[in-house]
């Protein structure tokens, strides 16, 4: 029995469409060179719309790398490929998706910060930085700046309190306020030169400053342009240049450390691991305390809910110190749920904190046992309205990992007018550990 031979140009339009989808953009362009029949099928714009959506997350109107609308999705795809022809295309797609994740989240949840993101830098802008600082940026870092040239914060935020609009975000405890933003290339040059001049680093150093806190607290992130690893300064940065790596990856993957760092940050924002902190009358800010388990513990006792988590604070840590090597800030969120009651089953209409008891461990060894009144000098009064009282504090550890657990003592009603005897509220254990990604 003879087999019938079917040639490509003898197939129907739908078959050719599916074949082109399987081939991908590059082979589809080759297919168009065979004859007019295949060229017409390969030029179908619905096909290139699918390629744009898959590779570049372009789902609405076709546009070029600067956001200018193009006449077709095919033209858009071609312009994107030409604009990044000097880079591996899989890496281009990966960096583009990283920024798309971050920008989409900011647009939906934090438009004030979205407006600070700058348009991508040009190749000449990147070359100017490399010449000025005598470095060669890793490919993935170049691409990150090609898609977005950092953040330009509003001038009225240039005060000691800085700006709440940092893409990376931060934390606030006592008078320690941190909010980290990505530097545009012009500030990378200026801050790196300042760092070299004031901290005594060699002018031939291959470290450049890529992110910093906008507040009065110094927190600097450095990219090693030779290895590609990202570092953050410790408490000893100004004295001996001590830093810690921010990304725990094998050396072979260090070239993409800054990209990995931003990808992970985008994932945490997108999945709700970290949230915006809303404060009455103030612009919100990205808060780095994790919200879901296992990094955040939750316990409910008599209707009082306590949520607790911690974040590593590298700028206070001292790797040369034995007893206070690693510093952590912890966040406690307490609220009275509507079903709150005391032991007699009497509903709680309010309760007030009186006492706290903390047990702090390092490698399962108790290093601190605290019994004291109040929290940061306050005696919060809770009502069953769902509102959380939040406070943050900090503690050092001699080694990692560690943990905190304990209990609060509350009084029904108010301390000045109690409606019953005091009762204990559990604080479930939460971890203090060095993370795989330091922010």
Protein backbone atom coordinates (compact mmCIF):
# COMPACT_ATOMS: atom_id res chain seq x y z
CA UNK A 1 0.00 0.00 0.00
CA UNK A 2 1.51 3.27 -1.09
CA UNK A 3 1.59 6.18 1.38
CA UNK A 4 0.19 9.48 0.17
CA UNK A 5 2.68 12.35 0.37
CA UNK A 6 1.22 15.63 1.62
CA UNK A 7 3.30 18.78 1.21
CA UNK A 8 3.10 21.71 3.62
CA UNK A 9 1.66 24.09 1.06
CA UNK A 10 -1.12 21.59 0.44
CA UNK A 11 -2.36 21.77 4.02
CA UNK A 12 -5.22 23.94 5.21
CA UNK A 13 -4.72 27.27 6.97
CA UNK A 14 -5.56 25.87 10.41
CA UNK A 15 -3.03 23.04 10.07
CA UNK A 16 -0.32 25.47 8.97
CA UNK A 17 -1.18 27.74 11.89
CA UNK A 18 -0.69 24.94 14.43
CA UNK A 19 2.52 23.79 12.73
CA UNK A 20 3.92 27.33 12.92
CA UNK A 21 3.02 27.54 16.61
CA UNK A 22 4.95 24.33 17.23
CA UNK A 23 7.92 25.57 15.17
CA UNK A 24 8.24 28.84 17.07
CA UNK A 25 9.14 32.35 15.84
CA UNK A 26 12.58 31.60 14.40
CA UNK A 27 11.55 28.60 12.27
CA UNK A 28 8.31 30.31 11.27
CA UNK A 29 10.40 33.13 9.77
CA UNK A 30 12.34 30.49 7.78
CA UNK A 31 9.07 28.91 6.69
CA UNK A 32 8.03 32.23 5.18
CA UNK A 33 10.96 32.05 2.76
CA UNK A 34 9.76 28.84 1.05
CA UNK A 35 6.95 30.15 -1.14
CA UNK A 36 4.06 32.63 -1.20
CA UNK A 37 1.52 30.18 0.25
CA UNK A 38 3.65 29.51 3.34
CA UNK A 39 4.69 33.15 3.59
CA UNK A 40 1.06 34.26 3.78
CA UNK A 41 0.41 31.75 6.54
CA UNK A 42 3.60 32.66 8.43
CA UNK A 43 2.73 36.36 8.25
CA UNK A 44 -0.68 35.88 9.87
CA UNK A 45 -0.72 38.42 12.72
CA UNK A 46 -2.76 36.22 15.08
CA UNK A 47 0.23 33.85 15.00
CA UNK A 48 2.65 36.61 15.99
CA UNK A 49 0.25 37.82 18.65
CA UNK A 50 0.63 34.39 20.26
CA UNK A 51 4.44 34.62 20.00
CA UNK A 52 4.38 38.12 21.55
CA UNK A 53 2.16 36.95 24.38
CA UNK A 54 4.24 33.86 25.09
CA UNK A 55 7.70 35.44 24.85
CA UNK A 56 7.06 39.07 25.85
CA UNK A 57 3.77 39.07 27.77
CA UNK A 58 2.33 41.53 25.22
CA UNK A 59 -1.39 40.86 25.22
CA UNK A 60 -2.96 44.19 24.30
CA UNK A 61 -1.83 46.49 21.49
CA UNK A 62 1.50 45.60 19.82
CA UNK A 63 4.34 47.93 20.82
CA UNK A 64 8.11 48.28 20.64
CA UNK A 65 10.61 48.31 23.52
CA UNK A 66 9.79 51.94 24.34
CA UNK A 67 6.05 51.36 24.45
CA UNK A 68 5.34 52.90 21.05
CA UNK A 69 2.49 51.18 19.21
CA UNK A 70 3.43 49.25 16.07
CA UNK A 71 1.36 48.35 13.01
CA UNK A 72 1.30 44.63 13.80
CA UNK A 73 2.42 42.00 16.31
CA UNK A 74 4.87 40.67 13.74
CA UNK A 75 6.56 44.08 13.49
CA UNK A 76 6.57 44.37 17.28
CA UNK A 77 8.26 40.98 17.68
CA UNK A 78 10.84 41.85 15.02
CA UNK A 79 11.67 45.18 16.69
CA UNK A 80 12.11 43.49 20.08
CA UNK A 81 14.47 40.91 18.60
CA UNK A 82 16.49 43.58 16.79
CA UNK A 83 16.71 45.79 19.88
CA UNK A 84 18.19 42.96 21.95
CA UNK A 85 20.09 41.14 19.21
CA UNK A 86 23.33 41.24 21.22
CA UNK A 87 21.81 39.25 24.09
CA UNK A 88 20.72 35.59 24.39
CA UNK A 89 16.99 35.62 23.66
CA UNK A 90 16.04 33.26 26.55
CA UNK A 91 17.73 35.69 28.96
CA UNK A 92 15.88 38.63 27.38
CA UNK A 93 12.55 36.87 27.91
CA UNK A 94 13.46 36.02 31.50
CA UNK A 95 14.43 39.60 32.39
CA UNK A 96 11.35 40.96 30.64
CA UNK A 97 9.11 38.60 32.64
CA UNK A 98 10.86 39.62 35.87
CA UNK A 99 10.09 43.29 35.28
CA UNK A 100 6.57 42.49 34.02
CA UNK A 101 5.82 40.73 37.33
CA UNK A 102 7.11 43.66 39.38
CA UNK A 103 5.45 46.36 37.27
CA UNK A 104 2.11 44.59 37.14
CA UNK A 105 2.06 44.21 40.93
CA UNK A 106 3.03 47.84 41.47
CA UNK A 107 0.40 49.07 39.01
CA UNK A 108 -2.33 47.14 40.81
CA UNK A 109 -1.27 47.65 44.42
CA UNK A 110 1.27 50.49 44.66
CA UNK A 111 0.85 52.95 41.76
CA UNK A 112 2.74 55.68 43.63
CA UNK A 113 5.90 53.54 43.42
CA UNK A 114 5.12 52.42 39.87
CA UNK A 115 5.40 56.05 38.75
CA UNK A 116 9.00 56.23 40.03
CA UNK A 117 10.25 53.51 37.66
CA UNK A 118 12.35 54.93 34.84
CA UNK A 119 12.30 53.95 31.18
CA UNK A 120 15.02 51.54 30.14
CA UNK A 121 18.60 52.74 29.72
CA UNK A 122 20.29 52.66 26.34
CA UNK A 123 23.42 50.70 25.45
CA UNK A 124 25.32 53.99 25.41
CA UNK A 125 24.10 54.78 28.95
CA UNK A 126 25.39 51.43 30.16
CA UNK A 127 28.69 51.91 28.31
CA UNK A 128 29.05 55.32 29.96
CA UNK A 129 28.72 53.72 33.42
CA UNK A 130 31.19 50.97 32.56
CA UNK A 131 33.74 53.53 31.35
CA UNK A 132 33.26 55.82 34.35
CA UNK A 133 33.64 53.03 36.90
CA UNK A 134 36.02 50.78 34.93
CA UNK A 135 33.74 47.75 35.19
CA UNK A 136 31.91 45.35 32.91
CA UNK A 137 28.37 44.57 33.99
CA UNK A 138 27.11 40.98 33.82
CA UNK A 139 24.75 40.39 30.87
CA UNK A 140 21.69 39.90 33.05
CA UNK A 141 22.40 43.13 34.94
CA UNK A 142 22.73 45.05 31.68
CA UNK A 143 19.37 43.70 30.60
CA UNK A 144 17.77 44.67 33.90
CA UNK A 145 18.79 48.27 33.25
CA UNK A 146 17.81 48.07 29.57
CA UNK A 147 14.24 47.32 30.68
CA UNK A 148 14.14 49.72 33.65
CA UNK A 149 16.72 52.28 34.72
CA UNK A 150 15.97 52.07 38.44
CA UNK A 151 13.82 54.53 40.37
CA UNK A 152 13.73 58.32 40.44
CA UNK A 153 12.24 59.33 43.79
CA UNK A 154 10.32 62.63 44.11
CA UNK A 155 12.51 65.51 45.31
CA UNK A 156 10.20 66.33 48.22
CA UNK A 157 11.01 62.91 49.69
CA UNK A 158 14.73 63.71 49.94
CA UNK A 159 14.63 64.15 53.73
CA UNK A 160 16.01 62.16 56.66
CA UNK A 161 12.85 60.06 56.64
CA UNK A 162 13.45 59.31 52.97
CA UNK A 163 10.78 58.01 50.65
CA UNK A 164 8.25 55.23 51.29
CA UNK A 165 8.26 54.41 47.57
CA UNK A 166 11.22 52.01 47.44
CA UNK A 167 10.64 48.98 45.24
CA UNK A 168 12.44 46.69 47.70
CA UNK A 169 10.87 48.21 50.81
CA UNK A 170 12.04 47.75 54.37
CA UNK A 171 11.06 47.88 58.06
CA UNK A 172 10.79 50.26 61.00
CA UNK A 173 11.58 49.60 64.66
CA UNK A 174 12.43 52.13 67.36
CA UNK A 175 14.18 54.89 65.39
CA UNK A 176 15.56 52.51 62.76
CA UNK A 177 13.75 53.24 59.50
CA UNK A 178 14.82 51.52 56.26
CA UNK A 179 13.27 51.73 52.81
CA UNK A 180 15.37 50.45 49.89
CA UNK A 181 15.05 51.60 46.29
CA UNK A 182 16.87 50.70 43.05
CA UNK A 183 19.34 53.32 41.89
CA UNK A 184 19.25 54.70 38.35
CA UNK A 185 22.58 54.51 36.51
CA UNK A 186 23.48 58.15 37.25
CA UNK A 187 23.15 57.49 41.00
CA UNK A 188 25.01 54.18 40.68
CA UNK A 189 27.98 56.16 39.37
CA UNK A 190 27.72 58.89 42.04
CA UNK A 191 27.20 56.59 45.03
CA UNK A 192 29.90 54.16 43.91
CA UNK A 193 32.43 56.99 43.59
CA UNK A 194 31.38 58.31 46.99
CA UNK A 195 31.72 54.83 48.49
CA UNK A 196 35.21 54.39 47.02
CA UNK A 197 36.30 57.83 48.23
CA UNK A 198 34.97 57.72 51.79
CA UNK A 199 35.44 54.07 52.68
CA UNK A 200 38.96 53.76 51.34
CA UNK A 201 38.21 51.14 48.72
CA UNK A 202 40.52 50.89 45.75
CA UNK A 203 39.43 52.90 42.72
CA UNK A 204 39.91 49.63 40.84
CA UNK A 205 37.24 47.94 42.99
CA UNK A 206 34.75 45.93 40.97
CA UNK A 207 31.92 46.65 43.41
CA UNK A 208 29.20 49.09 42.40
CA UNK A 209 26.28 50.36 44.53
CA UNK A 210 22.98 49.29 42.96
CA UNK A 211 20.42 49.81 45.75
CA UNK A 212 20.23 51.84 48.95
CA UNK A 213 17.91 52.98 51.67
CA UNK A 214 16.52 56.46 51.03
CA UNK A 215 16.39 57.16 54.79
CA UNK A 216 18.94 58.39 57.31
CA UNK A 217 19.92 54.75 58.01
CA UNK A 218 22.74 53.60 55.75
CA UNK A 219 21.94 50.35 54.00
CA UNK A 220 23.81 49.69 50.76
CA UNK A 221 23.68 46.85 48.25
CA UNK A 222 26.71 46.14 46.07
CA UNK A 223 27.12 44.18 42.86
CA UNK A 224 30.45 42.44 42.28
CA UNK A 225 30.86 42.96 38.55
CA UNK A 226 33.37 40.11 38.25
CA UNK A 227 31.43 37.32 39.97
CA UNK A 228 27.95 38.81 39.58
CA UNK A 229 27.13 38.19 43.27
CA UNK A 230 25.04 40.77 45.13
CA UNK A 231 26.18 41.90 48.60
CA UNK A 232 24.81 44.01 51.44
CA UNK A 233 26.90 46.00 53.89
CA UNK A 234 27.00 45.02 57.58
CA UNK A 235 27.60 47.19 60.65
CA UNK A 236 31.32 47.02 59.83
CA UNK A 237 30.97 48.31 56.28
CA UNK A 238 32.32 51.77 57.07
CA UNK A 239 35.30 50.44 59.05
CA UNK A 240 36.53 47.43 57.10
CA UNK A 241 34.16 47.01 54.16
CA UNK A 242 32.42 43.96 55.63
CA UNK A 243 29.60 42.61 53.43
CA UNK A 244 27.35 39.56 53.23
CA UNK A 245 26.19 37.80 50.04
CA UNK A 246 22.48 38.39 49.37
CA UNK A 247 21.78 35.35 47.19
CA UNK A 248 22.57 31.78 48.26
CA UNK A 249 23.34 30.07 44.96
CA UNK A 250 26.19 27.93 43.58
CA UNK A 251 29.04 29.99 42.06
CA UNK A 252 27.94 28.97 38.55
CA UNK A 253 24.68 30.91 39.04
CA UNK A 254 26.18 33.98 40.71
CA UNK A 255 26.41 35.89 37.43
CA UNK A 256 22.64 36.32 37.59
CA UNK A 257 22.43 37.14 41.32
CA UNK A 258 20.73 40.53 40.91
CA UNK A 259 18.19 39.03 38.52
CA UNK A 260 17.52 36.12 40.90
CA UNK A 261 17.12 38.64 43.75
CA UNK A 262 14.51 40.67 41.87
CA UNK A 263 12.72 37.56 40.60
CA UNK A 264 12.36 36.29 44.17
CA UNK A 265 11.18 39.71 45.35
CA UNK A 266 8.52 39.72 42.63
CA UNK A 267 7.42 36.23 43.65
CA UNK A 268 7.06 37.28 47.29
CA UNK A 269 4.97 40.30 46.34
CA UNK A 270 2.82 38.36 43.90
CA UNK A 271 2.11 35.47 46.29
CA UNK A 272 1.46 37.69 49.31
CA UNK A 273 4.46 36.64 51.37
CA UNK A 274 5.14 40.36 51.90
CA UNK A 275 2.55 43.14 51.85
CA UNK A 276 2.11 46.88 51.77
CA UNK A 277 1.94 48.50 55.20
CA UNK A 278 -0.97 50.94 55.21
CA UNK A 279 -0.75 53.76 57.73
CA UNK A 280 -3.45 56.37 58.26
CA UNK A 281 -2.59 59.63 56.53
CA UNK A 282 0.66 58.30 55.08
CA UNK A 283 1.75 56.82 51.78
CA UNK A 284 1.96 53.01 52.14
CA UNK A 285 5.29 51.21 51.94
CA UNK A 286 6.43 47.68 51.13
CA UNK A 287 6.95 45.89 54.43
CA UNK A 288 9.45 43.00 54.48
CA UNK A 289 7.99 41.08 57.43
CA UNK A 290 6.60 37.80 56.01
CA UNK A 291 2.87 37.18 56.48
CA UNK A 292 2.03 33.50 55.79
CA UNK A 293 3.35 30.40 57.60
CA UNK A 294 5.85 28.91 58.21
CA UNK A 295 7.78 32.19 58.49
CA UNK A 296 4.86 33.82 60.32
CA UNK A 297 3.27 32.10 63.32
CA UNK A 298 -0.37 32.52 64.38
CA UNK A 299 -1.99 31.63 67.71
CA UNK A 300 -5.46 32.41 69.05
CA UNK A 301 -6.18 32.32 72.80
CA UNK A 302 -9.60 33.35 74.15
CA UNK A 303 -10.21 35.14 70.87
CA UNK A 304 -6.98 37.18 71.00
CA UNK A 305 -4.97 36.50 67.86
CA UNK A 306 -1.20 37.00 67.78
CA UNK A 307 0.69 36.88 64.48
CA UNK A 308 4.48 37.10 64.62
CA UNK A 309 7.39 37.04 62.15
CA UNK A 310 10.93 38.33 61.83
CA UNK A 311 13.29 39.75 59.24
CA UNK A 312 17.09 39.70 59.18
CA UNK A 313 18.74 43.11 59.64
CA UNK A 314 22.17 42.95 57.94
CA UNK A 315 23.12 46.60 58.48
CA UNK A 316 23.21 46.06 62.29
CA UNK A 317 24.88 42.66 62.17
CA UNK A 318 28.54 42.27 63.07
CA UNK A 319 30.11 39.07 61.79
CA UNK A 320 33.17 39.64 64.01
CA UNK A 321 31.12 39.83 67.21
CA UNK A 322 30.57 36.65 69.19
CA UNK A 323 27.48 37.44 71.27
CA UNK A 324 25.61 39.81 68.92
CA UNK A 325 26.61 38.57 65.49
CA UNK A 326 23.19 38.48 63.80
CA UNK A 327 20.42 41.03 64.32
CA UNK A 328 16.74 40.46 63.65
CA UNK A 329 13.71 42.68 63.80
CA UNK A 330 10.42 41.05 64.74
CA UNK A 331 6.87 42.21 64.13
CA UNK A 332 3.99 41.36 66.47
CA UNK A 333 0.41 41.86 65.25
CA UNK A 334 -2.31 41.45 67.89
CA UNK A 335 -6.08 41.67 67.47
CA UNK A 336 -9.28 40.73 69.31
CA UNK A 337 -11.56 38.55 67.22
CA UNK A 338 -15.33 38.87 67.41
CA UNK A 339 -15.66 35.48 69.11
CA UNK A 340 -13.31 36.51 71.94
CA UNK A 341 -14.27 35.36 75.44
CA UNK A 342 -12.75 34.69 78.85
CA UNK A 343 -12.80 31.42 80.77
CA UNK A 344 -16.35 31.98 82.08
CA UNK A 345 -17.51 32.21 78.43
CA UNK A 346 -18.28 35.88 79.00
CA UNK A 347 -17.80 37.71 75.68
CA UNK A 348 -14.84 40.07 75.52
CA UNK A 349 -15.79 43.59 74.48
CA UNK A 350 -12.22 44.77 75.05
CA UNK A 351 -8.97 43.69 76.67
CA UNK A 352 -5.70 45.43 77.46
CA UNK A 353 -2.15 44.11 77.46
CA UNK A 354 -0.30 44.20 80.76
CA UNK A 355 2.75 41.88 80.63
CA UNK A 356 5.00 40.08 78.17
CA UNK A 357 7.23 37.02 78.50
CA UNK A 358 9.76 36.24 75.74
CA UNK A 359 12.00 33.19 75.32
CA UNK A 360 14.67 33.76 72.70
CA UNK A 361 16.74 30.82 71.46
CA UNK A 362 19.82 30.38 69.28
CA UNK A 363 20.33 26.83 68.01
CA UNK A 364 17.75 25.65 70.57
CA UNK A 365 19.72 27.17 73.47
CA UNK A 366 17.91 29.88 75.47
CA UNK A 367 19.92 33.10 75.19
CA UNK A 368 17.34 35.49 76.65
CA UNK A 369 14.31 35.12 78.93
CA UNK A 370 12.41 38.39 79.26
CA UNK A 371 9.63 39.17 81.76
CA UNK A 372 8.47 42.79 81.67
CA UNK A 373 5.52 45.14 81.51
CA UNK A 374 4.06 46.48 78.28
CA UNK A 375 5.53 46.41 74.77
CA UNK A 376 7.78 49.28 73.65
CA UNK A 377 6.29 51.25 76.56
CA UNK A 378 2.69 50.76 75.40
CA UNK A 379 -0.33 48.94 76.81
CA UNK A 380 -2.48 48.36 73.72
CA UNK A 381 -6.26 48.21 74.18
CA UNK A 382 -7.95 45.77 71.79
CA UNK A 383 -11.56 45.82 70.57
CA UNK A 384 -13.35 43.11 68.52
CA UNK A 385 -13.22 45.19 65.36
CA UNK A 386 -10.53 43.21 63.52
CA UNK A 387 -7.98 46.03 63.76
CA UNK A 388 -4.43 44.93 64.56
CA UNK A 389 -2.09 46.63 66.96
CA UNK A 390 1.38 46.27 65.44
CA UNK A 391 4.69 46.81 67.08
CA UNK A 392 8.24 46.02 66.03
CA UNK A 393 11.37 45.46 68.05
CA UNK A 394 14.75 43.76 67.56
CA UNK A 395 17.11 41.26 69.12
CA UNK A 396 20.65 39.98 68.46
CA UNK A 397 21.69 36.33 68.23
CA UNK A 398 25.17 34.79 68.64
CA UNK A 399 24.34 32.07 66.09
CA UNK A 400 21.61 30.91 63.72
CA UNK A 401 19.00 29.60 63.40
CA UNK A 402 17.01 30.89 66.33
CA UNK A 403 13.44 31.45 67.44
CA UNK A 404 11.15 33.45 69.72
CA UNK A 405 8.05 32.31 71.58
CA UNK A 406 6.28 33.31 74.74
CA UNK A 407 3.06 34.81 76.03
CA UNK A 408 1.25 38.05 76.76
CA UNK A 409 -0.88 38.71 79.83
CA UNK A 410 -4.13 40.57 79.09
CA UNK A 411 -6.80 41.98 81.38
CA UNK A 412 -10.49 41.92 80.31
CA UNK A 413 -11.78 45.47 79.91
CA UNK A 414 -9.13 48.01 80.84
CA UNK A 415 -6.24 48.03 83.29
CA UNK A 416 -8.00 50.88 85.13
CA UNK A 417 -11.35 49.07 85.07
CA UNK A 418 -10.84 45.29 84.78
CA UNK A 419 -13.85 43.08 84.02
CA UNK A 420 -12.25 39.90 85.33
CA UNK A 421 -8.95 38.27 86.16
CA UNK A 422 -5.89 38.39 83.88
CA UNK A 423 -5.44 35.69 81.25
CA UNK A 424 -2.49 34.41 79.22
CA UNK A 425 -2.28 34.65 75.43
CA UNK A 426 0.15 32.44 73.55
CA UNK A 427 2.77 33.74 71.11
CA UNK A 428 3.55 30.73 68.94
CA UNK A 429 7.20 30.14 68.10
CA UNK A 430 8.46 31.93 65.00
CA UNK A 431 11.88 31.54 63.34
CA UNK A 432 14.91 33.82 63.32
CA UNK A 433 17.03 32.52 60.46
CA UNK A 434 19.44 33.70 57.80
CA UNK A 435 17.38 33.78 54.59
CA UNK A 436 18.43 32.52 51.18
CA UNK A 437 17.73 36.03 49.86
CA UNK A 438 18.66 39.10 51.93
CA UNK A 439 16.76 42.35 51.31
